Amino acid sequence: MIEELLPESVVTVEAHGDDALWDAPLYPGEEALVARAVAKRRREFAAVRACARRAMEKLGVPAQPLLSGERGAPRWPDGLIGSMTHCDGYCAAALARAGELVSLGIDAEPHGPLPDDVAGSVFLPAEAERLARLAGERPAVHWERILFSAKESVYKAWFPLTGAWLDFSEADITLWPSPGDERHGTLRAELLVPGPWVAGRRLQVFDGRWLVRDELIATAVVVPHA
């Protein structure tokens, strides 16, 4: 699912609810990060890291512990960039060599309504207007949940470039469904704060794609070198 949203240079590994990766062991050092977590959280934490290690091996990098850095962001092996995501019954990791891409972010969410109290604190007025229009035209899709996921992916691509927090209100995101396919499309995030410097240019726009399938939503944002 995730691989359809990313360029060929990105290696992805997914695990669904019945996959053996959900019972993967943790590496030394990882145990301490979830020592006080509930069983569900520990299982998701272990499964998504098992996905990441398989992706490392596909790139020729030995499997190794994946610890957390600032704000919980994963600390990838030298020369790699990546992103991870998990929700009920699904997790995925996406990795690439740093020479292929500048940054990337992925997110997965259940395809269901977003709680009203969350929507009210997440979306800009312009975003809410566009969501209402999309919902009126294509009511079978939970557009507010797709937009929430897109904001998560944007943040995951932003943070490695800045080391700074990006508030939901600091990126204005537009969703576009593909012609004739309301469950697949593109997204664009226009930063409302100064963007990171990438190869001598300030990056103010992040582009990505989204997909709805099997009651799941997946979004991905990629920052290329050029």
N, C-alpha and C. Protein backbone atom coordinates (compact mmCIF):
# COMPACT_ATOMS: atom_id res chain seq x y z
N MET A 1 0.84 -1.21 0.00
CA MET A 1 0.00 0.00 0.00
C MET A 1 0.86 1.25 0.00
N ILE A 2 1.78 1.36 0.96
CA ILE A 2 2.63 2.54 1.05
C ILE A 2 3.53 2.67 -0.17
N GLU A 3 4.03 1.55 -0.68
CA GLU A 3 5.00 1.62 -1.78
C GLU A 3 4.41 2.27 -3.02
N GLU A 4 3.09 2.21 -3.19
CA GLU A 4 2.45 2.83 -4.35
C GLU A 4 2.54 4.35 -4.32
N LEU A 5 2.81 4.91 -3.15
CA LEU A 5 2.85 6.36 -2.99
C LEU A 5 4.26 6.94 -3.06
N LEU A 6 5.26 6.08 -3.20
CA LEU A 6 6.65 6.51 -3.09
C LEU A 6 7.44 6.15 -4.33
N PRO A 7 8.54 6.88 -4.59
CA PRO A 7 9.36 6.55 -5.76
C PRO A 7 10.07 5.21 -5.59
N GLU A 8 10.58 4.67 -6.69
CA GLU A 8 11.21 3.35 -6.68
C GLU A 8 12.45 3.30 -5.80
N SER A 9 13.06 4.43 -5.55
CA SER A 9 14.28 4.46 -4.73
C SER A 9 14.00 4.19 -3.26
N VAL A 10 12.72 4.21 -2.86
CA VAL A 10 12.34 3.99 -1.48
C VAL A 10 11.95 2.52 -1.29
N VAL A 11 12.51 1.89 -0.25
CA VAL A 11 12.18 0.52 0.10
C VAL A 11 11.14 0.54 1.22
N THR A 12 10.07 -0.20 1.04
CA THR A 12 9.01 -0.24 2.04
C THR A 12 8.77 -1.67 2.51
N VAL A 13 8.39 -1.79 3.77
CA VAL A 13 7.97 -3.08 4.34
C VAL A 13 6.75 -2.81 5.21
N GLU A 14 5.72 -3.62 5.04
CA GLU A 14 4.47 -3.46 5.78
C GLU A 14 4.16 -4.72 6.59
N ALA A 15 3.37 -4.56 7.61
CA ALA A 15 2.85 -5.69 8.37
C ALA A 15 1.38 -5.44 8.68
N HIS A 16 0.56 -6.44 8.38
CA HIS A 16 -0.86 -6.36 8.72
C HIS A 16 -1.12 -7.17 9.98
N GLY A 17 -2.35 -7.22 10.43
CA GLY A 17 -2.66 -7.78 11.72
C GLY A 17 -2.27 -9.23 11.92
N ASP A 18 -2.22 -10.03 10.85
CA ASP A 18 -1.89 -11.44 10.99
C ASP A 18 -0.45 -11.75 10.64
N ASP A 19 0.38 -10.74 10.49
CA ASP A 19 1.77 -10.95 10.11
C ASP A 19 2.61 -11.32 11.33
N ALA A 20 3.59 -12.22 11.11
CA ALA A 20 4.46 -12.65 12.21
C ALA A 20 5.30 -11.52 12.77
N LEU A 21 5.47 -10.44 12.00
CA LEU A 21 6.28 -9.32 12.48
C LEU A 21 5.69 -8.68 13.74
N TRP A 22 4.41 -8.89 13.98
CA TRP A 22 3.79 -8.31 15.18
C TRP A 22 4.32 -8.96 16.46
N ASP A 23 4.97 -10.10 16.32
CA ASP A 23 5.55 -10.77 17.48
C ASP A 23 7.07 -10.71 17.46
N ALA A 24 7.62 -9.77 16.74
CA ALA A 24 9.08 -9.64 16.63
C ALA A 24 9.68 -9.21 17.97
N PRO A 25 10.87 -9.71 18.28
CA PRO A 25 11.53 -9.30 19.53
C PRO A 25 12.15 -7.91 19.40
N LEU A 26 12.33 -7.27 20.52
CA LEU A 26 13.01 -5.98 20.56
C LEU A 26 14.51 -6.18 20.72
N TYR A 27 15.28 -5.23 20.23
CA TYR A 27 16.73 -5.25 20.39
C TYR A 27 17.11 -4.60 21.71
N PRO A 28 18.32 -4.92 22.20
CA PRO A 28 18.81 -4.21 23.40
C PRO A 28 18.78 -2.70 23.18
N GLY A 29 18.36 -1.99 24.16
CA GLY A 29 18.24 -0.54 24.05
C GLY A 29 16.83 -0.11 23.69
N GLU A 30 16.14 -0.93 22.89
CA GLU A 30 14.76 -0.59 22.53
C GLU A 30 13.80 -0.92 23.67
N GLU A 31 14.10 -1.97 24.41
CA GLU A 31 13.24 -2.37 25.52
C GLU A 31 13.00 -1.22 26.50
N ALA A 32 14.05 -0.46 26.78
CA ALA A 32 13.93 0.61 27.76
C ALA A 32 12.96 1.70 27.30
N LEU A 33 12.79 1.85 25.99
CA LEU A 33 11.93 2.91 25.46
C LEU A 33 10.45 2.62 25.68
N VAL A 34 10.11 1.35 25.86
CA VAL A 34 8.71 0.99 26.06
C VAL A 34 8.53 0.17 27.33
N ALA A 35 9.44 0.33 28.27
CA ALA A 35 9.40 -0.48 29.50
C ALA A 35 8.09 -0.29 30.26
N ARG A 36 7.52 0.91 30.21
CA ARG A 36 6.30 1.19 30.96
C ARG A 36 5.06 1.25 30.07
N ALA A 37 5.21 0.88 28.81
CA ALA A 37 4.09 0.96 27.87
C ALA A 37 3.15 -0.23 28.03
N VAL A 38 1.91 -0.04 27.62
CA VAL A 38 0.94 -1.13 27.64
C VAL A 38 1.30 -2.12 26.53
N ALA A 39 0.72 -3.32 26.59
CA ALA A 39 1.08 -4.40 25.66
C ALA A 39 0.84 -4.00 24.21
N LYS A 40 -0.25 -3.31 23.92
CA LYS A 40 -0.56 -2.90 22.54
C LYS A 40 0.52 -1.97 22.00
N ARG A 41 0.91 -1.02 22.80
CA ARG A 41 1.95 -0.08 22.38
C ARG A 41 3.28 -0.79 22.15
N ARG A 42 3.64 -1.72 23.02
CA ARG A 42 4.89 -2.47 22.87
C ARG A 42 4.87 -3.29 21.57
N ARG A 43 3.71 -3.89 21.29
CA ARG A 43 3.60 -4.73 20.10
C ARG A 43 3.76 -3.89 18.83
N GLU A 44 3.11 -2.74 18.77
CA GLU A 44 3.23 -1.86 17.61
C GLU A 44 4.66 -1.35 17.47
N PHE A 45 5.25 -0.97 18.59
CA PHE A 45 6.62 -0.48 18.61
C PHE A 45 7.58 -1.53 18.04
N ALA A 46 7.41 -2.78 18.45
CA ALA A 46 8.28 -3.86 17.98
C ALA A 46 8.03 -4.18 16.51
N ALA A 47 6.76 -4.22 16.12
CA ALA A 47 6.43 -4.59 14.74
C ALA A 47 6.94 -3.57 13.72
N VAL A 48 6.79 -2.29 14.03
CA VAL A 48 7.22 -1.29 13.06
C VAL A 48 8.74 -1.26 12.95
N ARG A 49 9.43 -1.57 14.04
CA ARG A 49 10.89 -1.65 13.97
C ARG A 49 11.36 -2.90 13.24
N ALA A 50 10.59 -3.97 13.34
CA ALA A 50 10.89 -5.16 12.54
C ALA A 50 10.74 -4.85 11.05
N CYS A 51 9.72 -4.07 10.70
CA CYS A 51 9.57 -3.63 9.31
C CYS A 51 10.78 -2.81 8.87
N ALA A 52 11.21 -1.89 9.73
CA ALA A 52 12.35 -1.04 9.39
C ALA A 52 13.62 -1.86 9.21
N ARG A 53 13.82 -2.88 10.04
CA ARG A 53 15.02 -3.69 9.91
C ARG A 53 15.02 -4.50 8.62
N ARG A 54 13.86 -4.99 8.22
CA ARG A 54 13.79 -5.68 6.93
C ARG A 54 14.10 -4.72 5.78
N ALA A 55 13.64 -3.49 5.90
CA ALA A 55 13.94 -2.50 4.87
C ALA A 55 15.44 -2.19 4.84
N MET A 56 16.07 -2.11 6.02
CA MET A 56 17.51 -1.91 6.08
C MET A 56 18.24 -3.02 5.33
N GLU A 57 17.84 -4.26 5.58
CA GLU A 57 18.50 -5.39 4.95
C GLU A 57 18.34 -5.35 3.44
N LYS A 58 17.18 -4.90 2.96
CA LYS A 58 16.96 -4.77 1.52
C LYS A 58 17.90 -3.74 0.91
N LEU A 59 18.32 -2.78 1.72
CA LEU A 59 19.25 -1.75 1.25
C LEU A 59 20.70 -2.13 1.52
N GLY A 60 20.92 -3.34 2.03
CA GLY A 60 22.27 -3.81 2.29
C GLY A 60 22.87 -3.30 3.58
N VAL A 61 22.02 -2.83 4.49
CA VAL A 61 22.48 -2.32 5.78
C VAL A 61 22.14 -3.34 6.85
N PRO A 62 23.11 -3.75 7.68
CA PRO A 62 22.82 -4.75 8.72
C PRO A 62 21.71 -4.29 9.65
N ALA A 63 20.84 -5.23 10.01
CA ALA A 63 19.78 -4.92 10.98
C ALA A 63 20.40 -4.51 12.31
N GLN A 64 19.81 -3.53 12.95
CA GLN A 64 20.38 -2.98 14.17
C GLN A 64 19.29 -2.31 14.99
N PRO A 65 19.58 -2.01 16.26
CA PRO A 65 18.57 -1.33 17.09
C PRO A 65 18.18 0.01 16.47
N LEU A 66 16.91 0.35 16.63
CA LEU A 66 16.41 1.62 16.13
C LEU A 66 15.87 2.40 17.31
N LEU A 67 16.71 3.30 17.81
CA LEU A 67 16.37 4.06 19.00
C LEU A 67 15.72 5.39 18.62
N SER A 68 15.26 6.10 19.62
CA SER A 68 14.56 7.36 19.39
C SER A 68 15.44 8.53 19.76
N GLY A 69 15.36 9.59 18.95
CA GLY A 69 16.09 10.81 19.23
C GLY A 69 15.15 11.88 19.73
N GLU A 70 15.42 13.11 19.34
CA GLU A 70 14.62 14.24 19.79
C GLU A 70 13.17 14.10 19.35
N ARG A 71 12.25 14.39 20.28
CA ARG A 71 10.80 14.30 20.05
C ARG A 71 10.37 12.92 19.57
N GLY A 72 11.15 11.90 19.90
CA GLY A 72 10.78 10.54 19.55
C GLY A 72 11.08 10.12 18.13
N ALA A 73 11.71 11.01 17.35
CA ALA A 73 12.01 10.67 15.96
C ALA A 73 13.03 9.54 15.90
N PRO A 74 12.88 8.58 15.00
CA PRO A 74 13.84 7.48 14.92
C PRO A 74 15.22 7.96 14.48
N ARG A 75 16.26 7.36 15.05
CA ARG A 75 17.64 7.67 14.66
C ARG A 75 18.09 6.61 13.67
N TRP A 76 18.10 6.99 12.40
CA TRP A 76 18.43 6.05 11.34
C TRP A 76 19.94 5.84 11.23
N PRO A 77 20.36 4.68 10.73
CA PRO A 77 21.80 4.47 10.49
C PRO A 77 22.35 5.52 9.52
N ASP A 78 23.63 5.81 9.65
CA ASP A 78 24.27 6.79 8.78
C ASP A 78 24.02 6.43 7.31
N GLY A 79 23.67 7.45 6.54
CA GLY A 79 23.46 7.26 5.12
C GLY A 79 22.04 6.89 4.72
N LEU A 80 21.16 6.71 5.72
CA LEU A 80 19.77 6.38 5.43
C LEU A 80 18.83 7.46 5.93
N ILE A 81 17.72 7.60 5.25
CA ILE A 81 16.60 8.40 5.75
C ILE A 81 15.38 7.50 5.77
N GLY A 82 14.39 7.85 6.54
CA GLY A 82 13.22 6.99 6.59
C GLY A 82 12.09 7.56 7.40
N SER A 83 11.02 6.77 7.46
CA SER A 83 9.84 7.15 8.22
C SER A 83 9.08 5.88 8.58
N MET A 84 8.37 5.92 9.70
CA MET A 84 7.59 4.77 10.14
C MET A 84 6.19 5.22 10.55
N THR A 85 5.25 4.28 10.52
CA THR A 85 3.89 4.59 10.95
C THR A 85 3.21 3.33 11.43
N HIS A 86 2.25 3.48 12.33
CA HIS A 86 1.45 2.33 12.74
C HIS A 86 0.09 2.81 13.23
N CYS A 87 -0.91 1.97 13.02
CA CYS A 87 -2.24 2.17 13.57
C CYS A 87 -2.79 0.77 13.84
N ASP A 88 -4.03 0.66 14.25
CA ASP A 88 -4.59 -0.64 14.61
C ASP A 88 -4.47 -1.62 13.45
N GLY A 89 -3.72 -2.69 13.66
CA GLY A 89 -3.64 -3.76 12.67
C GLY A 89 -2.76 -3.48 11.47
N TYR A 90 -2.01 -2.41 11.49
CA TYR A 90 -1.17 -2.09 10.33
C TYR A 90 0.04 -1.28 10.77
N CYS A 91 1.20 -1.60 10.20
CA CYS A 91 2.37 -0.75 10.39
C CYS A 91 3.25 -0.84 9.16
N ALA A 92 4.09 0.15 8.96
CA ALA A 92 4.94 0.21 7.77
C ALA A 92 6.17 1.05 8.05
N ALA A 93 7.23 0.73 7.33
CA ALA A 93 8.46 1.53 7.35
C ALA A 93 8.88 1.78 5.92
N ALA A 94 9.42 2.97 5.67
CA ALA A 94 9.91 3.35 4.35
C ALA A 94 11.30 3.94 4.51
N LEU A 95 12.28 3.39 3.80
CA LEU A 95 13.67 3.83 3.91
C LEU A 95 14.27 4.07 2.54
N ALA A 96 15.23 4.99 2.49
CA ALA A 96 15.96 5.27 1.26
C ALA A 96 17.36 5.73 1.61
N ARG A 97 18.23 5.66 0.65
CA ARG A 97 19.58 6.20 0.85
C ARG A 97 19.51 7.72 0.79
N ALA A 98 20.30 8.37 1.62
CA ALA A 98 20.28 9.83 1.69
C ALA A 98 20.64 10.47 0.36
N GLY A 99 21.40 9.76 -0.47
CA GLY A 99 21.73 10.31 -1.78
C GLY A 99 20.58 10.32 -2.75
N GLU A 100 19.53 9.56 -2.44
CA GLU A 100 18.37 9.48 -3.33
C GLU A 100 17.33 10.55 -3.05
N LEU A 101 17.11 10.84 -1.76
CA LEU A 101 16.10 11.82 -1.35
C LEU A 101 16.62 12.65 -0.19
N VAL A 102 16.03 13.82 -0.02
CA VAL A 102 16.39 14.67 1.11
C VAL A 102 15.65 14.23 2.37
N SER A 103 14.36 13.96 2.23
CA SER A 103 13.56 13.57 3.38
C SER A 103 12.27 12.91 2.89
N LEU A 104 11.62 12.18 3.78
CA LEU A 104 10.31 11.60 3.46
C LEU A 104 9.53 11.39 4.75
N GLY A 105 8.22 11.32 4.60
CA GLY A 105 7.34 11.07 5.73
C GLY A 105 6.16 10.23 5.29
N ILE A 106 5.78 9.24 6.11
CA ILE A 106 4.61 8.42 5.81
C ILE A 106 3.70 8.38 7.03
N ASP A 107 2.42 8.13 6.78
CA ASP A 107 1.47 7.98 7.87
C ASP A 107 0.33 7.08 7.42
N ALA A 108 -0.23 6.32 8.36
CA ALA A 108 -1.40 5.48 8.11
C ALA A 108 -2.43 5.73 9.19
N GLU A 109 -3.68 5.72 8.79
CA GLU A 109 -4.79 5.96 9.72
C GLU A 109 -5.96 5.05 9.33
N PRO A 110 -6.82 4.71 10.28
CA PRO A 110 -8.05 4.00 9.90
C PRO A 110 -8.95 4.92 9.08
N HIS A 111 -9.62 4.35 8.08
CA HIS A 111 -10.52 5.15 7.26
C HIS A 111 -11.86 5.28 7.98
N GLY A 112 -11.89 6.23 8.90
CA GLY A 112 -13.10 6.49 9.67
C GLY A 112 -13.18 7.96 10.03
N PRO A 113 -14.28 8.38 10.64
CA PRO A 113 -14.43 9.80 10.99
C PRO A 113 -13.37 10.26 11.97
N LEU A 114 -12.97 11.49 11.83
CA LEU A 114 -12.05 12.09 12.79
C LEU A 114 -12.90 12.72 13.90
N PRO A 115 -12.56 12.48 15.16
CA PRO A 115 -13.35 13.07 16.25
C PRO A 115 -13.50 14.58 16.09
N ASP A 116 -14.67 15.09 16.39
CA ASP A 116 -14.95 16.51 16.19
C ASP A 116 -13.98 17.41 16.96
N ASP A 117 -13.61 17.00 18.17
CA ASP A 117 -12.73 17.85 18.96
C ASP A 117 -11.33 17.92 18.35
N VAL A 118 -10.93 16.86 17.64
CA VAL A 118 -9.64 16.88 16.96
C VAL A 118 -9.72 17.77 15.72
N ALA A 119 -10.75 17.59 14.92
CA ALA A 119 -10.89 18.37 13.69
C ALA A 119 -10.92 19.86 13.99
N GLY A 120 -11.56 20.24 15.07
CA GLY A 120 -11.67 21.65 15.39
C GLY A 120 -10.36 22.30 15.76
N SER A 121 -9.38 21.51 16.18
CA SER A 121 -8.09 22.06 16.59
C SER A 121 -6.99 21.84 15.56
N VAL A 122 -7.29 21.14 14.48
CA VAL A 122 -6.26 20.75 13.52
C VAL A 122 -6.31 21.56 12.23
N PHE A 123 -7.51 21.88 11.75
CA PHE A 123 -7.65 22.42 10.40
C PHE A 123 -7.77 23.94 10.38
N LEU A 124 -7.14 24.53 9.39
CA LEU A 124 -7.28 25.95 9.12
C LEU A 124 -8.65 26.22 8.50
N PRO A 125 -9.18 27.45 8.61
CA PRO A 125 -10.48 27.74 8.00
C PRO A 125 -10.53 27.40 6.51
N ALA A 126 -9.46 27.72 5.77
CA ALA A 126 -9.45 27.41 4.33
C ALA A 126 -9.47 25.91 4.09
N GLU A 127 -8.77 25.16 4.94
CA GLU A 127 -8.78 23.70 4.81
C GLU A 127 -10.17 23.15 5.09
N ALA A 128 -10.82 23.68 6.13
CA ALA A 128 -12.16 23.22 6.48
C ALA A 128 -13.15 23.47 5.34
N GLU A 129 -13.00 24.59 4.66
CA GLU A 129 -13.88 24.89 3.53
C GLU A 129 -13.67 23.89 2.40
N ARG A 130 -12.41 23.59 2.10
CA ARG A 130 -12.13 22.64 1.03
C ARG A 130 -12.61 21.24 1.41
N LEU A 131 -12.46 20.86 2.68
CA LEU A 131 -12.95 19.56 3.13
C LEU A 131 -14.47 19.46 2.97
N ALA A 132 -15.18 20.51 3.31
CA ALA A 132 -16.64 20.50 3.19
C ALA A 132 -17.05 20.33 1.73
N ARG A 133 -16.31 20.98 0.84
CA ARG A 133 -16.62 20.85 -0.59
C ARG A 133 -16.37 19.42 -1.07
N LEU A 134 -15.24 18.84 -0.67
CA LEU A 134 -14.93 17.47 -1.07
C LEU A 134 -15.95 16.49 -0.51
N ALA A 135 -16.34 16.69 0.75
CA ALA A 135 -17.31 15.80 1.38
C ALA A 135 -18.66 15.87 0.67
N GLY A 136 -19.03 17.07 0.21
CA GLY A 136 -20.29 17.21 -0.52
C GLY A 136 -20.25 16.52 -1.87
N GLU A 137 -19.09 16.53 -2.50
CA GLU A 137 -18.95 15.93 -3.84
C GLU A 137 -18.74 14.42 -3.77
N ARG A 138 -18.01 13.96 -2.74
CA ARG A 138 -17.64 12.54 -2.62
C ARG A 138 -17.80 12.10 -1.16
N PRO A 139 -19.03 11.89 -0.72
CA PRO A 139 -19.30 11.63 0.71
C PRO A 139 -18.81 10.28 1.22
N ALA A 140 -18.44 9.36 0.35
CA ALA A 140 -18.00 8.04 0.80
C ALA A 140 -16.60 8.05 1.40
N VAL A 141 -15.88 9.14 1.22
CA VAL A 141 -14.50 9.24 1.69
C VAL A 141 -14.43 10.14 2.91
N HIS A 142 -13.66 9.73 3.91
CA HIS A 142 -13.47 10.54 5.12
C HIS A 142 -12.31 11.49 4.88
N TRP A 143 -12.60 12.61 4.26
CA TRP A 143 -11.57 13.55 3.84
C TRP A 143 -10.83 14.17 5.02
N GLU A 144 -11.54 14.38 6.12
CA GLU A 144 -10.88 15.00 7.26
C GLU A 144 -9.79 14.09 7.83
N ARG A 145 -10.00 12.78 7.75
CA ARG A 145 -8.98 11.85 8.24
C ARG A 145 -7.80 11.81 7.27
N ILE A 146 -8.05 11.93 5.98
CA ILE A 146 -6.94 11.98 5.02
C ILE A 146 -6.10 13.22 5.27
N LEU A 147 -6.76 14.35 5.50
CA LEU A 147 -6.02 15.58 5.74
C LEU A 147 -5.22 15.51 7.03
N PHE A 148 -5.79 14.91 8.07
CA PHE A 148 -5.05 14.72 9.32
C PHE A 148 -3.80 13.88 9.05
N SER A 149 -3.94 12.79 8.31
CA SER A 149 -2.80 11.94 7.99
C SER A 149 -1.77 12.70 7.18
N ALA A 150 -2.22 13.52 6.23
CA ALA A 150 -1.29 14.31 5.42
C ALA A 150 -0.47 15.25 6.30
N LYS A 151 -1.11 15.85 7.31
CA LYS A 151 -0.37 16.74 8.20
C LYS A 151 0.70 15.97 8.99
N GLU A 152 0.38 14.74 9.37
CA GLU A 152 1.37 13.91 10.05
C GLU A 152 2.55 13.61 9.13
N SER A 153 2.28 13.26 7.88
CA SER A 153 3.36 12.96 6.93
C SER A 153 4.22 14.19 6.66
N VAL A 154 3.60 15.35 6.54
CA VAL A 154 4.35 16.58 6.32
C VAL A 154 5.29 16.83 7.50
N TYR A 155 4.77 16.65 8.72
CA TYR A 155 5.62 16.88 9.89
C TYR A 155 6.81 15.92 9.91
N LYS A 156 6.56 14.66 9.57
CA LYS A 156 7.64 13.67 9.59
C LYS A 156 8.71 13.98 8.54
N ALA A 157 8.32 14.59 7.44
CA ALA A 157 9.31 15.00 6.44
C ALA A 157 10.01 16.29 6.84
N TRP A 158 9.30 17.16 7.55
CA TRP A 158 9.83 18.46 7.99
C TRP A 158 10.86 18.32 9.10
N PHE A 159 10.55 17.49 10.12
CA PHE A 159 11.35 17.50 11.33
C PHE A 159 12.83 17.15 11.10
N PRO A 160 13.18 16.14 10.30
CA PRO A 160 14.60 15.85 10.10
C PRO A 160 15.38 17.00 9.45
N LEU A 161 14.68 17.88 8.76
CA LEU A 161 15.33 19.00 8.09
C LEU A 161 15.50 20.21 9.00
N THR A 162 14.74 20.27 10.07
CA THR A 162 14.72 21.47 10.92
C THR A 162 15.01 21.18 12.39
N GLY A 163 14.64 20.00 12.86
CA GLY A 163 14.73 19.71 14.29
C GLY A 163 13.76 20.54 15.11
N ALA A 164 12.76 21.10 14.45
CA ALA A 164 11.80 21.99 15.12
C ALA A 164 10.39 21.47 14.97
N TRP A 165 9.54 21.88 15.90
CA TRP A 165 8.13 21.54 15.86
C TRP A 165 7.44 22.28 14.72
N LEU A 166 6.48 21.64 14.06
CA LEU A 166 5.64 22.28 13.07
C LEU A 166 4.19 22.09 13.51
N ASP A 167 3.53 23.19 13.85
CA ASP A 167 2.16 23.10 14.33
C ASP A 167 1.22 22.79 13.17
N PHE A 168 0.09 22.15 13.50
CA PHE A 168 -0.90 21.85 12.46
C PHE A 168 -1.32 23.10 11.70
N SER A 169 -1.33 24.24 12.38
CA SER A 169 -1.79 25.48 11.76
C SER A 169 -0.72 26.14 10.89
N GLU A 170 0.47 25.56 10.83
CA GLU A 170 1.57 26.19 10.11
C GLU A 170 1.81 25.60 8.73
N ALA A 171 0.89 24.75 8.28
CA ALA A 171 0.96 24.21 6.92
C ALA A 171 -0.46 24.13 6.38
N ASP A 172 -0.70 24.74 5.25
CA ASP A 172 -2.01 24.75 4.59
C ASP A 172 -1.99 23.68 3.51
N ILE A 173 -2.79 22.62 3.69
CA ILE A 173 -2.72 21.45 2.81
C ILE A 173 -3.98 21.35 1.95
N THR A 174 -3.76 21.10 0.68
CA THR A 174 -4.84 20.88 -0.28
C THR A 174 -4.77 19.44 -0.77
N LEU A 175 -5.93 18.79 -0.84
CA LEU A 175 -6.05 17.43 -1.36
C LEU A 175 -6.72 17.46 -2.72
N TRP A 176 -6.21 16.64 -3.63
CA TRP A 176 -6.85 16.49 -4.93
C TRP A 176 -7.08 15.01 -5.21
N PRO A 177 -8.32 14.59 -5.48
CA PRO A 177 -8.56 13.21 -5.91
C PRO A 177 -8.16 13.05 -7.37
N SER A 178 -7.71 11.85 -7.72
CA SER A 178 -7.38 11.57 -9.10
C SER A 178 -8.66 11.54 -9.94
N PRO A 179 -8.59 11.95 -11.19
CA PRO A 179 -9.78 11.92 -12.05
C PRO A 179 -10.36 10.51 -12.13
N GLY A 180 -11.62 10.39 -11.79
CA GLY A 180 -12.28 9.10 -11.87
C GLY A 180 -11.96 8.14 -10.75
N ASP A 181 -11.18 8.58 -9.75
CA ASP A 181 -10.79 7.69 -8.65
C ASP A 181 -10.76 8.51 -7.37
N GLU A 182 -11.84 8.44 -6.60
CA GLU A 182 -11.94 9.26 -5.39
C GLU A 182 -11.13 8.70 -4.23
N ARG A 183 -10.50 7.53 -4.40
CA ARG A 183 -9.74 6.92 -3.32
C ARG A 183 -8.24 6.98 -3.55
N HIS A 184 -7.82 7.86 -4.41
CA HIS A 184 -6.39 8.00 -4.68
C HIS A 184 -6.17 9.42 -5.16
N GLY A 185 -5.06 10.04 -4.76
CA GLY A 185 -4.84 11.40 -5.22
C GLY A 185 -3.52 11.97 -4.73
N THR A 186 -3.41 13.28 -4.85
CA THR A 186 -2.19 14.00 -4.49
C THR A 186 -2.49 15.02 -3.41
N LEU A 187 -1.43 15.56 -2.83
CA LEU A 187 -1.58 16.60 -1.82
C LEU A 187 -0.43 17.59 -1.95
N ARG A 188 -0.68 18.79 -1.51
CA ARG A 188 0.35 19.82 -1.47
C ARG A 188 0.21 20.61 -0.18
N ALA A 189 1.33 20.76 0.52
CA ALA A 189 1.38 21.53 1.76
C ALA A 189 2.16 22.80 1.52
N GLU A 190 1.53 23.94 1.72
CA GLU A 190 2.20 25.23 1.63
C GLU A 190 2.54 25.68 3.05
N LEU A 191 3.83 25.80 3.34
CA LEU A 191 4.26 26.18 4.68
C LEU A 191 3.92 27.64 4.94
N LEU A 192 3.40 27.92 6.13
CA LEU A 192 3.04 29.28 6.52
C LEU A 192 4.09 29.88 7.45
N VAL A 193 5.18 29.16 7.62
CA VAL A 193 6.35 29.64 8.36
C VAL A 193 7.55 29.44 7.45
N PRO A 194 8.69 30.11 7.72
CA PRO A 194 9.87 29.91 6.87
C PRO A 194 10.27 28.44 6.81
N GLY A 195 10.40 27.93 5.59
CA GLY A 195 10.74 26.53 5.41
C GLY A 195 12.23 26.27 5.55
N PRO A 196 12.63 25.00 5.54
CA PRO A 196 14.05 24.65 5.67
C PRO A 196 14.83 24.98 4.40
N TRP A 197 16.12 25.19 4.58
CA TRP A 197 16.99 25.40 3.43
C TRP A 197 17.43 24.05 2.89
N VAL A 198 17.22 23.83 1.61
CA VAL A 198 17.59 22.57 0.96
C VAL A 198 18.36 22.91 -0.31
N ALA A 199 19.63 22.54 -0.34
CA ALA A 199 20.49 22.78 -1.51
C ALA A 199 20.46 24.24 -1.94
N GLY A 200 20.57 25.14 -0.96
CA GLY A 200 20.65 26.56 -1.27
C GLY A 200 19.33 27.23 -1.57
N ARG A 201 18.22 26.53 -1.38
CA ARG A 201 16.91 27.14 -1.64
C ARG A 201 16.01 26.89 -0.44
N ARG A 202 15.13 27.83 -0.16
CA ARG A 202 14.20 27.65 0.94
C ARG A 202 12.98 26.88 0.44
N LEU A 203 12.68 25.81 1.10
CA LEU A 203 11.59 24.94 0.68
C LEU A 203 10.30 25.37 1.37
N GLN A 204 9.34 25.85 0.60
CA GLN A 204 8.07 26.32 1.16
C GLN A 204 6.89 25.43 0.79
N VAL A 205 7.14 24.42 -0.04
CA VAL A 205 6.06 23.54 -0.48
C VAL A 205 6.51 22.09 -0.34
N PHE A 206 5.67 21.25 0.25
CA PHE A 206 5.89 19.81 0.30
C PHE A 206 4.79 19.14 -0.52
N ASP A 207 5.18 18.21 -1.37
CA ASP A 207 4.22 17.50 -2.20
C ASP A 207 4.15 16.03 -1.80
N GLY A 208 2.99 15.43 -1.99
CA GLY A 208 2.83 14.03 -1.64
C GLY A 208 1.63 13.41 -2.31
N ARG A 209 1.32 12.20 -1.85
CA ARG A 209 0.22 11.44 -2.42
C ARG A 209 -0.54 10.75 -1.29
N TRP A 210 -1.77 10.33 -1.58
CA TRP A 210 -2.59 9.64 -0.60
C TRP A 210 -3.39 8.53 -1.26
N LEU A 211 -3.84 7.59 -0.42
CA LEU A 211 -4.53 6.41 -0.92
C LEU A 211 -5.47 5.89 0.16
N VAL A 212 -6.65 5.45 -0.22
CA VAL A 212 -7.59 4.80 0.68
C VAL A 212 -7.84 3.39 0.16
N ARG A 213 -7.61 2.38 1.03
CA ARG A 213 -7.81 1.00 0.61
C ARG A 213 -8.01 0.12 1.85
N ASP A 214 -8.93 -0.85 1.73
CA ASP A 214 -9.15 -1.84 2.79
C ASP A 214 -9.34 -1.17 4.15
N GLU A 215 -10.13 -0.09 4.17
CA GLU A 215 -10.44 0.64 5.40
C GLU A 215 -9.23 1.28 6.06
N LEU A 216 -8.19 1.51 5.26
CA LEU A 216 -7.02 2.23 5.73
C LEU A 216 -6.76 3.43 4.85
N ILE A 217 -6.14 4.44 5.45
CA ILE A 217 -5.66 5.61 4.72
C ILE A 217 -4.13 5.62 4.82
N ALA A 218 -3.47 5.88 3.71
CA ALA A 218 -2.01 6.05 3.73
C ALA A 218 -1.66 7.35 3.02
N THR A 219 -0.72 8.09 3.59
CA THR A 219 -0.23 9.30 2.96
C THR A 219 1.29 9.26 2.96
N ALA A 220 1.89 9.94 2.00
CA ALA A 220 3.36 9.98 1.92
C ALA A 220 3.78 11.32 1.32
N VAL A 221 4.83 11.86 1.88
CA VAL A 221 5.43 13.12 1.42
C VAL A 221 6.91 12.87 1.14
N VAL A 222 7.38 13.35 0.00
CA VAL A 222 8.78 13.15 -0.39
C VAL A 222 9.41 14.49 -0.70
N VAL A 223 10.63 14.71 -0.21
CA VAL A 223 11.40 15.90 -0.55
C VAL A 223 12.58 15.45 -1.41
N PRO A 224 12.56 15.75 -2.71
CA PRO A 224 13.64 15.33 -3.60
C PRO A 224 14.83 16.28 -3.49
N HIS A 225 15.96 15.86 -4.04
CA HIS A 225 17.14 16.72 -4.04
C HIS A 225 16.98 17.89 -5.00
N ALA A 226 16.41 17.65 -6.15
CA ALA A 226 16.30 18.71 -7.15
C ALA A 226 15.01 19.48 -6.93
